[in-house]
N, C-alpha and C. Protein backbone atom coordinates (compact mmCIF):
# COMPACT_ATOMS: atom_id res chain seq x y z
N MET A 1 4.76 -21.59 22.42
CA MET A 1 5.47 -20.40 21.60
C MET A 1 4.41 -19.45 21.31
N PRO A 2 4.52 -18.04 21.09
CA PRO A 2 3.69 -17.07 20.92
C PRO A 2 3.82 -16.99 19.71
N GLY A 3 2.15 -16.27 19.75
CA GLY A 3 2.33 -15.78 18.12
C GLY A 3 2.66 -14.78 17.49
N SER A 4 2.48 -14.74 15.91
CA SER A 4 3.35 -13.71 15.57
C SER A 4 1.90 -12.03 15.50
N VAL A 5 2.99 -11.14 15.33
CA VAL A 5 2.81 -9.85 15.67
C VAL A 5 3.01 -9.15 14.07
N TYR A 6 1.76 -7.86 14.17
CA TYR A 6 1.80 -7.40 12.87
C TYR A 6 1.82 -6.07 12.76
N LYS A 7 2.32 -5.04 11.78
CA LYS A 7 2.06 -3.86 11.96
C LYS A 7 1.51 -3.57 10.61
N VAL A 8 0.21 -2.56 10.50
CA VAL A 8 -0.45 -2.36 9.88
C VAL A 8 -0.40 -0.53 9.63
N ILE A 9 0.00 -0.31 7.99
CA ILE A 9 0.32 1.23 7.76
C ILE A 9 -0.90 1.60 6.98
N GLU A 10 -1.14 2.96 6.53
CA GLU A 10 -1.45 2.75 5.50
C GLU A 10 -1.24 3.56 4.29
N LEU A 11 -1.46 3.07 2.95
CA LEU A 11 -0.58 3.88 1.99
C LEU A 11 -1.51 4.01 0.86
N VAL A 12 -1.07 5.17 0.18
CA VAL A 12 -1.60 5.83 -1.43
C VAL A 12 -0.82 5.93 -2.25
N GLY A 13 -1.28 5.03 -3.17
CA GLY A 13 -0.41 4.90 -4.71
C GLY A 13 -1.13 5.45 -5.46
N THR A 14 -0.74 5.87 -6.60
CA THR A 14 -1.16 6.70 -7.34
C THR A 14 -0.70 6.43 -9.17
N SER A 15 -1.52 6.56 -10.29
CA SER A 15 -1.07 5.39 -11.42
C SER A 15 -1.79 6.72 -12.52
N ALA A 16 -1.44 7.04 -13.46
CA ALA A 16 -1.71 7.59 -14.51
C ALA A 16 -2.93 6.63 -15.18
N GLU A 17 -2.70 4.86 -15.04
CA GLU A 17 -2.93 4.23 -15.86
C GLU A 17 -4.32 3.28 -15.24
N SER A 18 -4.05 3.04 -14.34
CA SER A 18 -5.28 2.21 -13.39
C SER A 18 -5.43 1.91 -12.03
N TRP A 19 -6.00 1.76 -11.79
CA TRP A 19 -6.32 1.47 -10.07
C TRP A 19 -5.28 0.21 -9.78
N GLU A 20 -5.16 -0.94 -10.38
CA GLU A 20 -4.24 -1.74 -10.38
C GLU A 20 -2.61 -1.57 -10.29
N ASP A 21 -1.96 -0.49 -11.45
CA ASP A 21 -1.08 0.15 -10.96
C ASP A 21 -0.71 0.71 -10.28
N ALA A 22 -1.18 1.73 -9.89
CA ALA A 22 -1.62 2.46 -8.15
C ALA A 22 -1.04 1.56 -7.29
N ALA A 23 -1.87 0.36 -7.34
CA ALA A 23 -2.01 -0.84 -6.22
C ALA A 23 -0.52 -1.26 -6.13
N LEU A 24 0.01 -1.60 -7.08
CA LEU A 24 1.19 -2.03 -7.50
C LEU A 24 2.46 -0.96 -6.96
N SER A 25 2.27 0.38 -7.81
CA SER A 25 3.02 1.55 -6.99
C SER A 25 3.44 1.57 -5.62
N ALA A 26 2.23 1.48 -5.05
CA ALA A 26 2.33 1.21 -3.26
C ALA A 26 2.81 0.55 -3.04
N LEU A 27 2.80 -0.73 -3.16
CA LEU A 27 3.57 -2.05 -2.74
C LEU A 27 4.80 -2.16 -2.95
N LYS A 28 5.32 -1.72 -4.47
CA LYS A 28 6.71 -1.74 -4.83
C LYS A 28 7.49 -1.08 -3.61
N THR A 29 6.88 0.85 -3.92
CA THR A 29 7.57 1.61 -2.97
C THR A 29 7.86 1.08 -1.25
N ALA A 30 7.00 0.34 -0.83
CA ALA A 30 6.66 -0.25 0.66
C ALA A 30 7.77 -1.19 0.62
N ALA A 31 7.84 -2.12 -0.11
CA ALA A 31 8.35 -3.37 -0.44
C ALA A 31 10.02 -2.87 -0.37
N ALA A 32 10.61 -2.10 -0.60
CA ALA A 32 11.64 -1.49 -0.67
C ALA A 32 12.31 -1.27 0.32
N SER A 33 11.55 -0.96 1.31
CA SER A 33 11.99 -0.55 2.80
C SER A 33 11.63 -1.38 4.20
N LEU A 34 10.53 -1.93 3.85
CA LEU A 34 10.09 -3.05 4.32
C LEU A 34 9.89 -4.63 4.40
N GLU A 35 10.02 -5.29 4.88
CA GLU A 35 10.40 -6.86 5.19
C GLU A 35 8.78 -7.23 5.32
N ASP A 36 8.94 -8.83 5.20
CA ASP A 36 7.86 -9.26 5.43
C ASP A 36 6.31 -9.23 4.90
N LEU A 37 5.74 -8.08 4.09
CA LEU A 37 4.64 -8.02 3.36
C LEU A 37 3.92 -8.28 3.64
N ARG A 38 2.54 -8.55 4.62
CA ARG A 38 1.90 -9.82 4.58
C ARG A 38 0.27 -9.89 3.75
N ILE A 39 -0.36 -8.76 3.81
CA ILE A 39 -1.77 -8.21 3.19
C ILE A 39 -1.81 -7.14 3.07
N ALA A 40 -2.73 -6.82 1.86
CA ALA A 40 -3.02 -5.47 1.19
C ALA A 40 -4.40 -5.08 1.12
N GLU A 41 -4.83 -4.46 1.54
CA GLU A 41 -6.51 -4.47 1.36
C GLU A 41 -6.86 -3.04 1.25
N VAL A 42 -7.47 -3.03 0.14
CA VAL A 42 -7.91 -1.75 -1.02
C VAL A 42 -8.74 -1.80 -0.11
N VAL A 43 -8.73 0.08 0.32
CA VAL A 43 -9.80 0.56 1.51
C VAL A 43 -10.87 1.62 0.79
N LYS A 44 -10.05 2.21 -0.43
CA LYS A 44 -10.40 2.72 -0.92
C LYS A 44 -9.78 3.42 -2.47
N GLN A 45 -11.25 3.39 -3.46
CA GLN A 45 -10.46 4.41 -4.54
C GLN A 45 -10.78 5.54 -5.28
N ASP A 46 -10.12 6.42 -5.65
CA ASP A 46 -10.65 7.36 -6.18
C ASP A 46 -9.75 7.75 -7.82
N ILE A 47 -10.30 8.85 -8.31
CA ILE A 47 -9.81 9.47 -9.71
C ILE A 47 -10.03 10.99 -9.38
N ARG A 48 -8.66 11.02 -9.60
CA ARG A 48 -8.42 12.63 -10.22
C ARG A 48 -8.87 13.09 -11.53
N ILE A 49 -9.78 14.12 -12.02
CA ILE A 49 -10.15 14.82 -13.05
C ILE A 49 -10.26 15.87 -13.85
N GLU A 50 -9.52 16.12 -14.43
CA GLU A 50 -9.43 17.45 -15.19
C GLU A 50 -9.69 17.99 -16.37
N GLU A 51 -10.32 18.52 -16.44
CA GLU A 51 -10.63 18.98 -18.14
C GLU A 51 -11.99 17.69 -18.60
N ASN A 52 -12.68 16.68 -17.47
CA ASN A 52 -13.67 16.02 -17.73
C ASN A 52 -12.83 14.79 -18.74
N GLU A 53 -11.31 14.57 -17.78
CA GLU A 53 -10.60 13.75 -18.38
C GLU A 53 -10.05 13.13 -17.07
N ILE A 54 -9.87 11.50 -16.98
CA ILE A 54 -9.56 11.17 -15.95
C ILE A 54 -7.85 11.10 -16.05
N VAL A 55 -7.52 11.85 -15.10
CA VAL A 55 -5.59 12.22 -15.33
C VAL A 55 -5.11 11.33 -13.83
N GLU A 56 -5.56 10.52 -12.57
CA GLU A 56 -4.84 9.98 -11.93
C GLU A 56 -5.61 9.00 -11.28
N TYR A 57 -5.36 7.62 -11.39
CA TYR A 57 -6.10 6.48 -10.16
C TYR A 57 -5.18 6.81 -8.91
N ARG A 58 -6.16 6.70 -7.69
CA ARG A 58 -5.45 6.70 -6.76
C ARG A 58 -5.99 5.34 -5.46
N VAL A 59 -4.96 4.52 -4.97
CA VAL A 59 -5.50 4.00 -4.57
C VAL A 59 -5.24 3.72 -2.55
N LYS A 60 -6.34 3.87 -1.82
CA LYS A 60 -5.53 3.56 -0.54
C LYS A 60 -5.85 2.74 0.13
N MET A 61 -4.74 2.64 0.69
CA MET A 61 -4.79 0.93 1.20
C MET A 61 -4.33 0.70 2.34
N LYS A 62 -4.79 -0.49 3.25
CA LYS A 62 -3.91 -0.66 4.33
C LYS A 62 -2.91 -1.83 4.53
N VAL A 63 -1.33 -2.24 4.19
CA VAL A 63 -0.79 -2.86 4.22
C VAL A 63 -0.21 -3.75 5.77
N SER A 64 0.05 -4.67 5.45
CA SER A 64 0.59 -5.81 6.81
C SER A 64 1.65 -5.73 6.80
N PHE A 65 2.89 -5.92 7.47
CA PHE A 65 3.93 -6.40 8.03
C PHE A 65 4.26 -7.25 8.71
N LYS A 66 5.45 -8.45 8.92
CA LYS A 66 5.57 -8.76 10.26
C LYS A 66 6.48 -8.12 11.23
N TYR A 67 6.02 -8.06 12.16
CA TYR A 67 7.23 -7.27 13.20
C TYR A 67 8.20 -7.72 13.66
N HIS A 68 9.04 -7.75 13.70
CA HIS A 68 10.18 -8.23 13.99
C HIS A 68 11.18 -7.89 15.59
N SER A 69 10.89 -8.25 16.72
CA SER A 69 11.42 -7.63 17.88
C SER A 69 12.56 -7.74 18.02
N GLU A 70 13.01 -8.47 16.99
CA GLU A 70 14.81 -8.25 17.67
C GLU A 70 15.35 -7.64 16.61
N LEU A 71 14.73 -6.95 15.90
CA LEU A 71 14.98 -5.70 14.77
C LEU A 71 14.78 -4.70 15.72
N ALA A 72 13.79 -4.42 16.83
CA ALA A 72 13.52 -2.92 17.28
C ALA A 72 14.23 -2.43 18.46
N ASP A 73 14.10 -1.36 18.13
CA ASP A 73 15.21 -0.47 19.09
C ASP A 73 15.02 -0.29 20.54
């Protein structure tokens, strides 16, 4: 039996509240159009600053999901 194959994509999520909310936002959006999300790895966190205040948290992440060959064109 062959092993599973996974595709890895990069996402950036944003939030005015926290890095956790930024990651959750990206994952929820991806889950709306992708099936079988498996692993998410945060590779970078940063913030956007305006007038010496944090206005946005940003998370760059790699997300894998199972590739289903029967669904491929």
